[in-house]
Amino acid sequence: MTELPICPLCGRPIPPDVAQSLHHLVPKLRGGRGGPTVRLHQICHNEIHATLSETELARSYATPEALRAHPRLARFIDWVAKRPPGFRSRTPGPRRNR
């Protein structure tokens, strides 16, 4: 039996039939092309990009630990951690100003 990958943001397993994506820890447009990536639930990835700009991601949030420490993402993690691994939803809350 193969071990399911674990989402580095929320800590829940990522089943193969659940929407998922690769997140560049440093955005490609900010010098992260070819850099490290992490596999996330799609809902977790959406919340990261709804919360932080590419510049903020590159400057201050280029590790899973830093992302988990962000106040809005910490509240999201507390919320989503109570859901099953296959949970899908629209990104909750207001989007950041672009």
PDB file of N, CA and C in Angstrom:
ATOM      1  N   MET A   1       0.852  -1.190   0.000  1.00  0.00           N
ATOM      2  CA  MET A   1       0.000   0.000   0.000  1.00  0.00           C
ATOM      3  C   MET A   1       0.891   1.244   0.000  1.00  0.00           C
ATOM      4  N   THR A   2       0.575   2.174  -0.865  1.00  0.00           N
ATOM      5  CA  THR A   2       1.385   3.390  -0.963  1.00  0.00           C
ATOM      6  C   THR A   2       0.928   4.421   0.064  1.00  0.00           C
ATOM      7  N   GLU A   3       1.893   5.092   0.608  1.00  0.00           N
ATOM      8  CA  GLU A   3       1.634   6.150   1.578  1.00  0.00           C
ATOM      9  C   GLU A   3       1.109   7.387   0.836  1.00  0.00           C
ATOM     10  N   LEU A   4       0.028   7.976   1.329  1.00  0.00           N
ATOM     11  CA  LEU A   4      -0.515   9.184   0.710  1.00  0.00           C
ATOM     12  C   LEU A   4       0.389  10.367   1.054  1.00  0.00           C
ATOM     13  N   PRO A   5       0.573  11.299   0.098  1.00  0.00           N
ATOM     14  CA  PRO A   5       1.329  12.506   0.440  1.00  0.00           C
ATOM     15  C   PRO A   5       0.554  13.311   1.485  1.00  0.00           C
ATOM     16  N   ILE A   6       1.273  14.062   2.287  1.00  0.00           N
ATOM     17  CA  ILE A   6       0.679  14.909   3.327  1.00  0.00           C
ATOM     18  C   ILE A   6       0.816  16.366   2.877  1.00  0.00           C
ATOM     19  N   CYS A   7      -0.277  17.097   2.973  1.00  0.00           N
ATOM     20  CA  CYS A   7      -0.260  18.523   2.621  1.00  0.00           C
ATOM     21  C   CYS A   7       0.581  19.274   3.650  1.00  0.00           C
ATOM     22  N   PRO A   8       1.641  19.974   3.218  1.00  0.00           N
ATOM     23  CA  PRO A   8       2.500  20.670   4.173  1.00  0.00           C
ATOM     24  C   PRO A   8       1.835  21.907   4.794  1.00  0.00           C
ATOM     25  N   LEU A   9       0.694  22.329   4.262  1.00  0.00           N
ATOM     26  CA  LEU A   9       0.001  23.462   4.872  1.00  0.00           C
ATOM     27  C   LEU A   9      -0.929  22.984   5.985  1.00  0.00           C
ATOM     28  N   CYS A  10      -1.866  22.080   5.661  1.00  0.00           N
ATOM     29  CA  CYS A  10      -2.881  21.683   6.645  1.00  0.00           C
ATOM     30  C   CYS A  10      -2.548  20.392   7.379  1.00  0.00           C
ATOM     31  N   GLY A  11      -1.592  19.615   6.877  1.00  0.00           N
ATOM     32  CA  GLY A  11      -1.196  18.383   7.543  1.00  0.00           C
ATOM     33  C   GLY A  11      -2.105  17.193   7.282  1.00  0.00           C
ATOM     34  N   ARG A  12      -3.116  17.357   6.419  1.00  0.00           N
ATOM     35  CA  ARG A  12      -4.012  16.240   6.098  1.00  0.00           C
ATOM     36  C   ARG A  12      -3.458  15.464   4.912  1.00  0.00           C
ATOM     37  N   PRO A  13      -3.780  14.158   4.810  1.00  0.00           N
ATOM     38  CA  PRO A  13      -3.353  13.390   3.638  1.00  0.00           C
ATOM     39  C   PRO A  13      -4.023  13.925   2.363  1.00  0.00           C
ATOM     40  N   ILE A  14      -3.365  13.711   1.226  1.00  0.00           N
ATOM     41  CA  ILE A  14      -3.912  14.130  -0.073  1.00  0.00           C
ATOM     42  C   ILE A  14      -4.242  12.871  -0.875  1.00  0.00           C
ATOM     43  N   PRO A  15      -5.512  12.431  -0.872  1.00  0.00           N
ATOM     44  CA  PRO A  15      -5.888  11.257  -1.656  1.00  0.00           C
ATOM     45  C   PRO A  15      -5.705  11.523  -3.151  1.00  0.00           C
ATOM     46  N   PRO A  16      -5.445  10.481  -3.961  1.00  0.00           N
ATOM     47  CA  PRO A  16      -5.193  10.688  -5.391  1.00  0.00           C
ATOM     48  C   PRO A  16      -6.387  11.260  -6.154  1.00  0.00           C
ATOM     49  N   ASP A  17      -7.608  11.062  -5.654  1.00  0.00           N
ATOM     50  CA  ASP A  17      -8.791  11.540  -6.367  1.00  0.00           C
ATOM     51  C   ASP A  17      -9.225  12.941  -5.933  1.00  0.00           C
ATOM     52  N   VAL A  18      -8.421  13.618  -5.134  1.00  0.00           N
ATOM     53  CA  VAL A  18      -8.751  14.957  -4.639  1.00  0.00           C
ATOM     54  C   VAL A  18      -7.994  15.998  -5.458  1.00  0.00           C
ATOM     55  N   ALA A  19      -8.650  17.125  -5.727  1.00  0.00           N
ATOM     56  CA  ALA A  19      -7.988  18.213  -6.452  1.00  0.00           C
ATOM     57  C   ALA A  19      -6.740  18.644  -5.684  1.00  0.00           C
ATOM     58  N   GLN A  20      -5.622  18.708  -6.399  1.00  0.00           N
ATOM     59  CA  GLN A  20      -4.337  19.056  -5.791  1.00  0.00           C
ATOM     60  C   GLN A  20      -3.490  19.807  -6.804  1.00  0.00           C
ATOM     61  N   SER A  21      -2.457  20.453  -6.333  1.00  0.00           N
ATOM     62  CA  SER A  21      -1.569  21.174  -7.241  1.00  0.00           C
ATOM     63  C   SER A  21      -0.211  21.366  -6.594  1.00  0.00           C
ATOM     64  N   LEU A  22       0.751  21.748  -7.420  1.00  0.00           N
ATOM     65  CA  LEU A  22       2.097  22.058  -6.934  1.00  0.00           C
ATOM     66  C   LEU A  22       2.192  23.556  -6.700  1.00  0.00           C
ATOM     67  N   HIS A  23       2.726  23.929  -5.558  1.00  0.00           N
ATOM     68  CA  HIS A  23       2.915  25.332  -5.207  1.00  0.00           C
ATOM     69  C   HIS A  23       4.406  25.634  -5.236  1.00  0.00           C
ATOM     70  N   HIS A  24       4.796  26.632  -6.024  1.00  0.00           N
ATOM     71  CA  HIS A  24       6.186  27.091  -6.020  1.00  0.00           C
ATOM     72  C   HIS A  24       6.393  27.919  -4.757  1.00  0.00           C
ATOM     73  N   LEU A  25       7.322  27.524  -3.908  1.00  0.00           N
ATOM     74  CA  LEU A  25       7.537  28.244  -2.656  1.00  0.00           C
ATOM     75  C   LEU A  25       7.954  29.686  -2.920  1.00  0.00           C
ATOM     76  N   VAL A  26       8.754  29.910  -3.941  1.00  0.00           N
ATOM     77  CA  VAL A  26       9.025  31.259  -4.439  1.00  0.00           C
ATOM     78  C   VAL A  26       8.318  31.325  -5.787  1.00  0.00           C
ATOM     79  N   PRO A  27       7.372  32.265  -5.963  1.00  0.00           N
ATOM     80  CA  PRO A  27       6.626  32.326  -7.218  1.00  0.00           C
ATOM     81  C   PRO A  27       7.547  32.402  -8.434  1.00  0.00           C
ATOM     82  N   LYS A  28       7.117  31.760  -9.512  1.00  0.00           N
ATOM     83  CA  LYS A  28       7.930  31.731 -10.735  1.00  0.00           C
ATOM     84  C   LYS A  28       8.261  33.142 -11.213  1.00  0.00           C
ATOM     85  N   LEU A  29       7.307  34.069 -11.107  1.00  0.00           N
ATOM     86  CA  LEU A  29       7.552  35.436 -11.571  1.00  0.00           C
ATOM     87  C   LEU A  29       8.470  36.225 -10.646  1.00  0.00           C
ATOM     88  N   ARG A  30       8.806  35.662  -9.507  1.00  0.00           N
ATOM     89  CA  ARG A  30       9.708  36.327  -8.546  1.00  0.00           C
ATOM     90  C   ARG A  30      10.997  35.536  -8.366  1.00  0.00           C
ATOM     91  N   GLY A  31      11.387  34.782  -9.395  1.00  0.00           N
ATOM     92  CA  GLY A  31      12.665  34.082  -9.367  1.00  0.00           C
ATOM     93  C   GLY A  31      12.595  32.629  -8.947  1.00  0.00           C
ATOM     94  N   GLY A  32      11.392  32.069  -8.817  1.00  0.00           N
ATOM     95  CA  GLY A  32      11.261  30.706  -8.343  1.00  0.00           C
ATOM     96  C   GLY A  32      11.141  29.642  -9.417  1.00  0.00           C
ATOM     97  N   ARG A  33      11.273  30.028 -10.682  1.00  0.00           N
ATOM     98  CA  ARG A  33      11.184  29.037 -11.760  1.00  0.00           C
ATOM     99  C   ARG A  33      12.275  27.988 -11.551  1.00  0.00           C
ATOM    100  N   GLY A  34      11.886  26.736 -11.493  1.00  0.00           N
ATOM    101  CA  GLY A  34      12.849  25.670 -11.262  1.00  0.00           C
ATOM    102  C   GLY A  34      13.191  25.474  -9.794  1.00  0.00           C
ATOM    103  N   GLY A  35      12.595  26.292  -8.921  1.00  0.00           N
ATOM    104  CA  GLY A  35      12.866  26.185  -7.491  1.00  0.00           C
ATOM    105  C   GLY A  35      12.000  25.119  -6.837  1.00  0.00           C
ATOM    106  N   PRO A  36      12.075  25.013  -5.521  1.00  0.00           N
ATOM    107  CA  PRO A  36      11.332  23.967  -4.819  1.00  0.00           C
ATOM    108  C   PRO A  36       9.826  24.183  -4.894  1.00  0.00           C
ATOM    109  N   THR A  37       9.109  23.059  -4.971  1.00  0.00           N
ATOM    110  CA  THR A  37       7.652  23.074  -4.973  1.00  0.00           C
ATOM    111  C   THR A  37       7.162  22.115  -3.893  1.00  0.00           C
ATOM    112  N   VAL A  38       5.912  22.305  -3.470  1.00  0.00           N
ATOM    113  CA  VAL A  38       5.259  21.391  -2.544  1.00  0.00           C
ATOM    114  C   VAL A  38       3.882  21.046  -3.097  1.00  0.00           C
ATOM    115  N   ARG A  39       3.449  19.806  -2.889  1.00  0.00           N
ATOM    116  CA  ARG A  39       2.117  19.368  -3.304  1.00  0.00           C
ATOM    117  C   ARG A  39       1.123  19.735  -2.216  1.00  0.00           C
ATOM    118  N   LEU A  40       0.040  20.412  -2.615  1.00  0.00           N
ATOM    119  CA  LEU A  40      -0.983  20.878  -1.681  1.00  0.00           C
ATOM    120  C   LEU A  40      -2.365  20.450  -2.151  1.00  0.00           C
ATOM    121  N   HIS A  41      -3.320  20.387  -1.211  1.00  0.00           N
ATOM    122  CA  HIS A  41      -4.723  20.315  -1.613  1.00  0.00           C
ATOM    123  C   HIS A  41      -5.003  21.581  -2.423  1.00  0.00           C
ATOM    124  N   GLN A  42      -5.865  21.489  -3.413  1.00  0.00           N
ATOM    125  CA  GLN A  42      -6.193  22.671  -4.208  1.00  0.00           C
ATOM    126  C   GLN A  42      -6.801  23.764  -3.330  1.00  0.00           C
ATOM    127  N   ILE A  43      -7.655  23.379  -2.363  1.00  0.00           N
ATOM    128  CA  ILE A  43      -8.269  24.378  -1.483  1.00  0.00           C
ATOM    129  C   ILE A  43      -7.201  25.124  -0.679  1.00  0.00           C
ATOM    130  N   CYS A  44      -6.155  24.429  -0.249  1.00  0.00           N
ATOM    131  CA  CYS A  44      -5.059  25.069   0.497  1.00  0.00           C
ATOM    132  C   CYS A  44      -4.272  26.012  -0.413  1.00  0.00           C
ATOM    133  N   HIS A  45      -4.010  25.557  -1.635  1.00  0.00           N
ATOM    134  CA  HIS A  45      -3.282  26.390  -2.595  1.00  0.00           C
ATOM    135  C   HIS A  45      -4.082  27.655  -2.911  1.00  0.00           C
ATOM    136  N   ASN A  46      -5.381  27.493  -3.113  1.00  0.00           N
ATOM    137  CA  ASN A  46      -6.226  28.657  -3.400  1.00  0.00           C
ATOM    138  C   ASN A  46      -6.187  29.663  -2.256  1.00  0.00           C
ATOM    139  N   GLU A  47      -6.221  29.173  -1.026  1.00  0.00           N
ATOM    140  CA  GLU A  47      -6.218  30.070   0.133  1.00  0.00           C
ATOM    141  C   GLU A  47      -4.907  30.839   0.237  1.00  0.00           C
ATOM    142  N   ILE A  48      -3.793  30.200  -0.062  1.00  0.00           N
ATOM    143  CA  ILE A  48      -2.493  30.892  -0.043  1.00  0.00           C
ATOM    144  C   ILE A  48      -2.528  32.072  -1.003  1.00  0.00           C
ATOM    145  N   HIS A  49      -2.986  31.824  -2.241  1.00  0.00           N
ATOM    146  CA  HIS A  49      -2.973  32.892  -3.246  1.00  0.00           C
ATOM    147  C   HIS A  49      -4.087  33.912  -3.040  1.00  0.00           C
ATOM    148  N   ALA A  50      -5.133  33.556  -2.313  1.00  0.00           N
ATOM    149  CA  ALA A  50      -6.169  34.530  -1.961  1.00  0.00           C
ATOM    150  C   ALA A  50      -5.694  35.441  -0.836  1.00  0.00           C
ATOM    151  N   THR A  51      -4.711  34.990  -0.086  1.00  0.00           N
ATOM    152  CA  THR A  51      -4.241  35.714   1.093  1.00  0.00           C
ATOM    153  C   THR A  51      -3.017  36.579   0.813  1.00  0.00           C
ATOM    154  N   LEU A  52      -2.070  36.059   0.040  1.00  0.00           N
ATOM    155  CA  LEU A  52      -0.771  36.720  -0.116  1.00  0.00           C
ATOM    156  C   LEU A  52      -0.468  37.040  -1.575  1.00  0.00           C
ATOM    157  N   SER A  53       0.188  38.167  -1.784  1.00  0.00           N
ATOM    158  CA  SER A  53       0.640  38.524  -3.130  1.00  0.00           C
ATOM    159  C   SER A  53       1.901  37.726  -3.467  1.00  0.00           C
ATOM    160  N   GLU A  54       2.254  37.712  -4.734  1.00  0.00           N
ATOM    161  CA  GLU A  54       3.474  37.013  -5.145  1.00  0.00           C
ATOM    162  C   GLU A  54       4.706  37.631  -4.484  1.00  0.00           C
ATOM    163  N   THR A  55       4.710  38.936  -4.343  1.00  0.00           N
ATOM    164  CA  THR A  55       5.838  39.610  -3.689  1.00  0.00           C
ATOM    165  C   THR A  55       5.935  39.190  -2.228  1.00  0.00           C
ATOM    166  N   GLU A  56       4.795  39.156  -1.521  1.00  0.00           N
ATOM    167  CA  GLU A  56       4.804  38.726  -0.121  1.00  0.00           C
ATOM    168  C   GLU A  56       5.281  37.279  -0.003  1.00  0.00           C
ATOM    169  N   LEU A  57       4.813  36.425  -0.913  1.00  0.00           N
ATOM    170  CA  LEU A  57       5.250  35.034  -0.892  1.00  0.00           C
ATOM    171  C   LEU A  57       6.759  34.939  -1.058  1.00  0.00           C
ATOM    172  N   ALA A  58       7.315  35.667  -2.015  1.00  0.00           N
ATOM    173  CA  ALA A  58       8.750  35.604  -2.289  1.00  0.00           C
ATOM    174  C   ALA A  58       9.568  36.173  -1.129  1.00  0.00           C
ATOM    175  N   ARG A  59       9.111  37.269  -0.541  1.00  0.00           N
ATOM    176  CA  ARG A  59       9.894  37.951   0.495  1.00  0.00           C
ATOM    177  C   ARG A  59       9.806  37.292   1.864  1.00  0.00           C
ATOM    178  N   SER A  60       8.609  36.884   2.264  1.00  0.00           N
ATOM    179  CA  SER A  60       8.420  36.490   3.662  1.00  0.00           C
ATOM    180  C   SER A  60       7.789  35.127   3.894  1.00  0.00           C
ATOM    181  N   TYR A  61       7.259  34.498   2.843  1.00  0.00           N
ATOM    182  CA  TYR A  61       6.485  33.266   3.052  1.00  0.00           C
ATOM    183  C   TYR A  61       6.926  32.155   2.109  1.00  0.00           C
ATOM    184  N   ALA A  62       8.217  31.948   1.992  1.00  0.00           N
ATOM    185  CA  ALA A  62       8.768  30.976   1.037  1.00  0.00           C
ATOM    186  C   ALA A  62       9.009  29.597   1.658  1.00  0.00           C
ATOM    187  N   THR A  63       8.428  29.341   2.837  1.00  0.00           N
ATOM    188  CA  THR A  63       8.533  28.010   3.453  1.00  0.00           C
ATOM    189  C   THR A  63       7.151  27.621   3.976  1.00  0.00           C
ATOM    190  N   PRO A  64       6.876  26.329   4.064  1.00  0.00           N
ATOM    191  CA  PRO A  64       5.596  25.914   4.655  1.00  0.00           C
ATOM    192  C   PRO A  64       5.435  26.428   6.089  1.00  0.00           C
ATOM    193  N   GLU A  65       6.519  26.487   6.867  1.00  0.00           N
ATOM    194  CA  GLU A  65       6.454  26.977   8.244  1.00  0.00           C
ATOM    195  C   GLU A  65       6.013  28.444   8.290  1.00  0.00           C
ATOM    196  N   ALA A  66       6.575  29.255   7.399  1.00  0.00           N
ATOM    197  CA  ALA A  66       6.202  30.670   7.356  1.00  0.00           C
ATOM    198  C   ALA A  66       4.744  30.823   6.934  1.00  0.00           C
ATOM    199  N   LEU A  67       4.305  30.026   5.970  1.00  0.00           N
ATOM    200  CA  LEU A  67       2.904  30.092   5.541  1.00  0.00           C
ATOM    201  C   LEU A  67       1.973  29.745   6.696  1.00  0.00           C
ATOM    202  N   ARG A  68       2.291  28.686   7.434  1.00  0.00           N
ATOM    203  CA  ARG A  68       1.439  28.266   8.557  1.00  0.00           C
ATOM    204  C   ARG A  68       1.393  29.315   9.664  1.00  0.00           C
ATOM    205  N   ALA A  69       2.416  30.168   9.766  1.00  0.00           N
ATOM    206  CA  ALA A  69       2.470  31.195  10.805  1.00  0.00           C
ATOM    207  C   ALA A  69       1.659  32.446  10.452  1.00  0.00           C
ATOM    208  N   HIS A  70       1.271  32.614   9.193  1.00  0.00           N
ATOM    209  CA  HIS A  70       0.489  33.786   8.798  1.00  0.00           C
ATOM    210  C   HIS A  70      -0.874  33.722   9.498  1.00  0.00           C
ATOM    211  N   PRO A  71      -1.343  34.805  10.111  1.00  0.00           N
ATOM    212  CA  PRO A  71      -2.580  34.762  10.891  1.00  0.00           C
ATOM    213  C   PRO A  71      -3.806  34.258  10.117  1.00  0.00           C
ATOM    214  N   ARG A  72      -4.044  34.755   8.915  1.00  0.00           N
ATOM    215  CA  ARG A  72      -5.224  34.299   8.158  1.00  0.00           C
ATOM    216  C   ARG A  72      -5.068  32.826   7.772  1.00  0.00           C
ATOM    217  N   LEU A  73      -3.876  32.426   7.340  1.00  0.00           N
ATOM    218  CA  LEU A  73      -3.676  31.028   6.958  1.00  0.00           C
ATOM    219  C   LEU A  73      -3.780  30.114   8.180  1.00  0.00           C
ATOM    220  N   ALA A  74      -3.337  30.583   9.351  1.00  0.00           N
ATOM    221  CA  ALA A  74      -3.464  29.781  10.570  1.00  0.00           C
ATOM    222  C   ALA A  74      -4.940  29.541  10.895  1.00  0.00           C
ATOM    223  N   ARG A  75      -5.787  30.563  10.735  1.00  0.00           N
ATOM    224  CA  ARG A  75      -7.228  30.391  10.969  1.00  0.00           C
ATOM    225  C   ARG A  75      -7.815  29.425   9.948  1.00  0.00           C
ATOM    226  N   PHE A  76      -7.389  29.551   8.687  1.00  0.00           N
ATOM    227  CA  PHE A  76      -7.857  28.634   7.647  1.00  0.00           C
ATOM    228  C   PHE A  76      -7.458  27.192   7.982  1.00  0.00           C
ATOM    229  N   ILE A  77      -6.225  26.989   8.410  1.00  0.00           N
ATOM    230  CA  ILE A  77      -5.730  25.641   8.744  1.00  0.00           C
ATOM    231  C   ILE A  77      -6.562  25.048   9.883  1.00  0.00           C
ATOM    232  N   ASP A  78      -6.836  25.850  10.916  1.00  0.00           N
ATOM    233  CA  ASP A  78      -7.680  25.370  12.017  1.00  0.00           C
ATOM    234  C   ASP A  78      -9.040  24.934  11.499  1.00  0.00           C
ATOM    235  N   TRP A  79      -9.595  25.698  10.575  1.00  0.00           N
ATOM    236  CA  TRP A  79     -10.913  25.407  10.008  1.00  0.00           C
ATOM    237  C   TRP A  79     -10.879  24.154   9.138  1.00  0.00           C
ATOM    238  N   VAL A  80      -9.937  24.091   8.192  1.00  0.00           N
ATOM    239  CA  VAL A  80      -9.920  22.998   7.215  1.00  0.00           C
ATOM    240  C   VAL A  80      -9.442  21.685   7.841  1.00  0.00           C
ATOM    241  N   ALA A  81      -8.673  21.752   8.910  1.00  0.00           N
ATOM    242  CA  ALA A  81      -8.169  20.532   9.552  1.00  0.00           C
ATOM    243  C   ALA A  81      -9.303  19.676  10.119  1.00  0.00           C
ATOM    244  N   LYS A  82     -10.457  20.288  10.350  1.00  0.00           N
ATOM    245  CA  LYS A  82     -11.618  19.561  10.881  1.00  0.00           C
ATOM    246  C   LYS A  82     -12.408  18.876   9.761  1.00  0.00           C
ATOM    247  N   ARG A  83     -12.008  19.086   8.516  1.00  0.00           N
ATOM    248  CA  ARG A  83     -12.704  18.501   7.368  1.00  0.00           C
ATOM    249  C   ARG A  83     -11.968  17.250   6.904  1.00  0.00           C
ATOM    250  N   PRO A  84     -12.681  16.353   6.216  1.00  0.00           N
ATOM    251  CA  PRO A  84     -12.010  15.161   5.679  1.00  0.00           C
ATOM    252  C   PRO A  84     -11.017  15.541   4.582  1.00  0.00           C
ATOM    253  N   PRO A  85     -10.037  14.674   4.300  1.00  0.00           N
ATOM    254  CA  PRO A  85      -9.009  14.991   3.299  1.00  0.00           C
ATOM    255  C   PRO A  85      -9.565  15.343   1.922  1.00  0.00           C
ATOM    256  N   GLY A  86     -10.717  14.795   1.561  1.00  0.00           N
ATOM    257  CA  GLY A  86     -11.291  15.068   0.244  1.00  0.00           C
ATOM    258  C   GLY A  86     -12.208  16.267   0.202  1.00  0.00           C
ATOM    259  N   PHE A  87     -12.289  17.033   1.287  1.00  0.00           N
ATOM    260  CA  PHE A  87     -13.189  18.179   1.360  1.00  0.00           C
ATOM    261  C   PHE A  87     -12.844  19.208   0.296  1.00  0.00           C
ATOM    262  N   ARG A  88     -13.891  19.715  -0.380  1.00  0.00           N
ATOM    263  CA  ARG A  88     -13.713  20.770  -1.381  1.00  0.00           C
ATOM    264  C   ARG A  88     -14.689  21.888  -1.079  1.00  0.00           C
ATOM    265  N   SER A  89     -14.277  23.100  -1.319  1.00  0.00           N
ATOM    266  CA  SER A  89     -15.116  24.260  -1.069  1.00  0.00           C
ATOM    267  C   SER A  89     -14.544  25.433  -1.832  1.00  0.00           C
ATOM    268  N   ARG A  90     -15.375  26.411  -2.028  1.00  0.00           N
ATOM    269  CA  ARG A  90     -14.839  27.665  -2.563  1.00  0.00           C
ATOM    270  C   ARG A  90     -13.952  28.273  -1.495  1.00  0.00           C
ATOM    271  N   THR A  91     -13.018  29.097  -1.901  1.00  0.00           N
ATOM    272  CA  THR A  91     -12.119  29.735  -0.947  1.00  0.00           C
ATOM    273  C   THR A  91     -12.947  30.645  -0.051  1.00  0.00           C
ATOM    274  N   PRO A  92     -12.955  30.377   1.275  1.00  0.00           N
ATOM    275  CA  PRO A  92     -13.787  31.165   2.184  1.00  0.00           C
ATOM    276  C   PRO A  92     -13.194  32.543   2.443  1.00  0.00           C
ATOM    277  N   GLY A  93     -14.068  33.462   2.785  1.00  0.00           N
ATOM    278  CA  GLY A  93     -13.627  34.795   3.192  1.00  0.00           C
ATOM    279  C   GLY A  93     -13.284  35.696   2.021  1.00  0.00           C
ATOM    280  N   PRO A  94     -13.089  36.959   2.331  1.00  0.00           N
ATOM    281  CA  PRO A  94     -12.785  37.926   1.258  1.00  0.00           C
ATOM    282  C   PRO A  94     -11.382  37.686   0.694  1.00  0.00           C
ATOM    283  N   ARG A  95     -11.255  37.954  -0.593  1.00  0.00           N
ATOM    284  CA  ARG A  95      -9.948  37.842  -1.234  1.00  0.00           C
ATOM    285  C   ARG A  95      -9.159  39.110  -0.940  1.00  0.00           C
ATOM    286  N   ARG A  96      -7.850  38.985  -0.983  1.00  0.00           N
ATOM    287  CA  ARG A  96      -7.005  40.164  -0.735  1.00  0.00           C
ATOM    288  C   ARG A  96      -7.172  41.144  -1.875  1.00  0.00           C
ATOM    289  N   ASN A  97      -6.871  42.406  -1.631  1.00  0.00           N
ATOM    290  CA  ASN A  97      -6.898  43.410  -2.692  1.00  0.00           C
ATOM    291  C   ASN A  97      -5.709  43.184  -3.602  1.00  0.00           C
ATOM    292  N   ARG A  98      -5.951  43.265  -4.866  1.00  0.00           N
ATOM    293  CA  ARG A  98      -4.860  43.052  -5.829  1.00  0.00           C
ATOM    294  C   ARG A  98      -4.297  44.367  -6.283  1.00  0.00           C
TER     295      ARG A  98
END
